[in-house]
Each structure stands twice: as C-alpha cells, then as structure tokens.
Protein backbone atom coordinates (compact mmCIF):
# COMPACT_ATOMS: atom_id res chain seq x y z
CA MET A 1 -56.29 19.46 -51.80
CA ALA A 2 -58.93 21.42 -49.80
CA PHE A 3 -56.64 21.81 -46.95
CA LEU A 4 -54.00 23.34 -49.22
CA GLU A 5 -56.47 25.77 -50.71
CA LYS A 6 -57.47 26.98 -47.28
CA VAL A 7 -53.85 27.50 -46.31
CA LEU A 8 -53.10 29.37 -49.51
CA LYS A 9 -56.07 31.57 -49.22
CA LYS A 10 -55.21 32.48 -45.64
CA GLU A 11 -51.67 33.65 -46.83
CA GLU A 12 -53.19 35.77 -49.63
CA GLY A 13 -55.67 37.40 -47.13
CA ILE A 14 -52.97 38.65 -44.69
CA ASP A 15 -53.80 42.11 -43.45
CA ILE A 16 -50.39 43.51 -42.86
CA GLU A 17 -51.81 46.70 -41.11
CA GLU A 18 -53.45 44.50 -38.71
CA PHE A 19 -50.20 42.40 -38.20
CA LEU A 20 -48.11 45.57 -37.69
CA ASN A 21 -50.58 47.15 -35.30
CA THR A 22 -50.63 44.05 -33.11
CA LEU A 23 -46.86 43.80 -32.68
CA ASP A 24 -46.96 45.76 -29.45
CA ALA A 25 -50.18 44.12 -28.12
CA GLU A 26 -48.21 41.90 -25.79
CA ASP A 27 -48.10 42.94 -22.14
CA GLU A 28 -44.93 44.80 -21.63
CA THR A 29 -42.98 44.97 -18.43
CA LEU A 30 -40.31 47.58 -17.83
CA ASP A 31 -37.03 46.07 -17.72
CA GLU A 32 -35.39 47.56 -14.76
CA ASP A 33 -31.91 46.80 -15.97
CA ALA A 34 -32.27 48.77 -19.19
CA ASP A 35 -30.06 51.90 -19.67
CA ALA A 36 -32.64 53.84 -21.57
CA PHE A 37 -36.29 53.52 -22.94
CA VAL A 38 -37.89 54.53 -26.21
CA LYS A 39 -41.14 56.17 -25.10
CA PRO A 40 -44.02 57.24 -27.29
CA VAL A 41 -45.62 60.61 -26.42
CA THR A 42 -48.44 62.45 -28.16
CA LEU A 43 -47.88 66.18 -28.26
CA ALA A 44 -51.06 68.14 -27.41
CA THR A 45 -50.25 70.57 -24.42
CA ASP A 46 -47.44 72.41 -22.83
CA ALA A 47 -47.31 69.59 -20.25
CA ASP A 48 -46.57 67.11 -23.00
CA SER A 49 -43.69 69.39 -24.16
CA GLU A 50 -42.17 69.27 -20.68
CA THR A 51 -42.65 65.45 -20.39
CA VAL A 52 -40.60 65.15 -23.67
CA VAL A 53 -37.74 67.28 -22.31
CA ASN A 54 -37.87 65.47 -18.93
CA GLU A 55 -37.66 62.07 -20.62
CA ALA A 56 -34.65 63.21 -22.81
CA LYS A 57 -32.91 64.68 -19.63
CA ALA A 58 -33.50 61.23 -18.05
CA GLY A 59 -31.56 59.62 -20.98
CA ASN A 60 -34.66 58.18 -22.76
CA ILE A 61 -35.50 58.44 -26.51
CA VAL A 62 -38.85 59.89 -27.32
CA LEU A 63 -41.04 59.13 -30.32
CA LEU A 64 -43.22 62.18 -30.51
CA ASN A 65 -46.57 62.08 -32.32
CA ILE A 66 -47.38 65.50 -33.71
CA GLY A 67 -50.13 64.27 -36.22
CA ASP A 68 -53.22 65.46 -34.29
CA LEU A 69 -51.75 68.80 -33.33
CA SER A 70 -50.56 69.59 -36.77
CA LYS A 71 -54.05 69.16 -38.15
CA ARG A 72 -55.71 71.25 -35.36
CA ASN A 73 -53.28 73.96 -34.60
CA ALA A 74 -50.15 74.54 -36.70
CA ILE A 75 -49.12 77.71 -34.63
CA LYS A 76 -49.29 75.85 -31.32
CA LEU A 77 -47.35 72.99 -32.86
CA LYS A 78 -44.60 75.36 -34.02
CA GLU A 79 -44.46 77.02 -30.59
CA LEU A 80 -44.29 73.68 -28.64
CA VAL A 81 -41.73 71.98 -30.99
CA THR A 82 -39.51 75.28 -30.87
CA LYS A 83 -39.69 75.09 -27.00
CA ILE A 84 -38.74 71.42 -27.12
CA LYS A 85 -35.89 72.13 -29.73
CA GLU A 86 -34.34 74.78 -27.56
CA SER A 87 -34.47 72.66 -24.58
CA ILE A 88 -33.07 69.69 -26.26
CA ASP A 89 -30.27 71.75 -27.77
CA SER A 90 -29.30 73.03 -24.31
CA ILE A 91 -28.76 69.46 -23.04
CA ASP A 92 -26.88 68.52 -26.30
CA GLY A 93 -29.65 66.19 -27.38
CA ASP A 94 -30.89 65.86 -30.96
CA ILE A 95 -34.30 66.21 -32.74
CA SER A 96 -35.38 65.27 -36.19
CA ARG A 97 -38.55 64.78 -38.08
CA ILE A 98 -38.73 61.14 -39.19
CA SER A 99 -42.24 61.12 -40.87
CA HIS A 100 -45.16 63.43 -41.47
CA ASP A 101 -46.54 62.66 -37.99
CA ARG A 102 -43.51 61.64 -36.05
CA VAL A 103 -40.56 63.44 -34.54
CA LEU A 104 -37.60 61.58 -32.81
CA ILE A 105 -35.91 63.16 -29.83
CA THR A 106 -32.84 61.84 -28.35
CA PRO A 107 -30.79 62.63 -25.16
CA SER A 108 -27.22 63.79 -25.08
CA LYS A 109 -24.69 61.30 -26.54
CA VAL A 110 -27.35 59.88 -28.91
CA LYS A 111 -27.18 61.58 -32.30
CA ILE A 112 -29.58 61.19 -35.22
CA ILE A 113 -27.92 60.75 -38.68
CA LYS A 114 -29.87 62.99 -40.83
CA LYS A 115 -30.20 61.55 -44.46
CA LYS A 116 -29.00 64.07 -47.00
CA GLU A 117 -29.90 63.70 -50.62
CA VAL A 118 -26.73 63.28 -52.86
CA GLN A 119 -27.10 64.94 -56.27
C-alpha cells in the first residue's frame, strides 16, 4: 500500500510548468535534410529585426519574442515590428501575433490562418 501511495502522490504533484519548460532541454542537432526551420528570436535591437527578415527570406519560420521590448519601449517595438512587417510583405510572407508576447513570421508560400470571431 505504501508504494501505491507514493506513486499517487507523485502524480498529484506534477509541475506542468516544469514539464513544459524541459521539453526542449534535450540536445538538438540541426537536421541538414530539413526544408525549413522554426527559429526562436528575441526582438531587442535593429539587428534582431534584420535577423528575422533574413530567416524568412531563407525560408524559415520565426517565433518572435516581443515580451521584453513591449515592457521597456513600446515606441521602439512599434518601429521594429513595422519595419519587419514591410519587409515580410515585400517577400509575400506573413506575420501574425499569436500571444501577448509572441509574433509568428512565415516566409513566402506559408500563410497563417488568422482566427476570426464569428458572431
């Protein structure tokens, strides 16, 4: 009985945040045969915005973290995102905010279905 109690207590004490945060903890090796990559980028400087555009031009999908910049400098955030949007539009890519802190950027031929509320 004591064994079952220990097992059941461990299941109840699962920390879902810890579990989700360790999903990508394994060593990753780039698969050279992949057609495209999903790359996380944190937006903080002009160089980061250039990195985002270059990745999209290379055919990669970018998961852009805007959380820190949105808290520190909303004007700079708007400037950089506008610059990124113009560049992505020029290559026929797509851009969409997917959460409060994340923006998804895709290359040409990859479109984001934007959820529209039905009334």
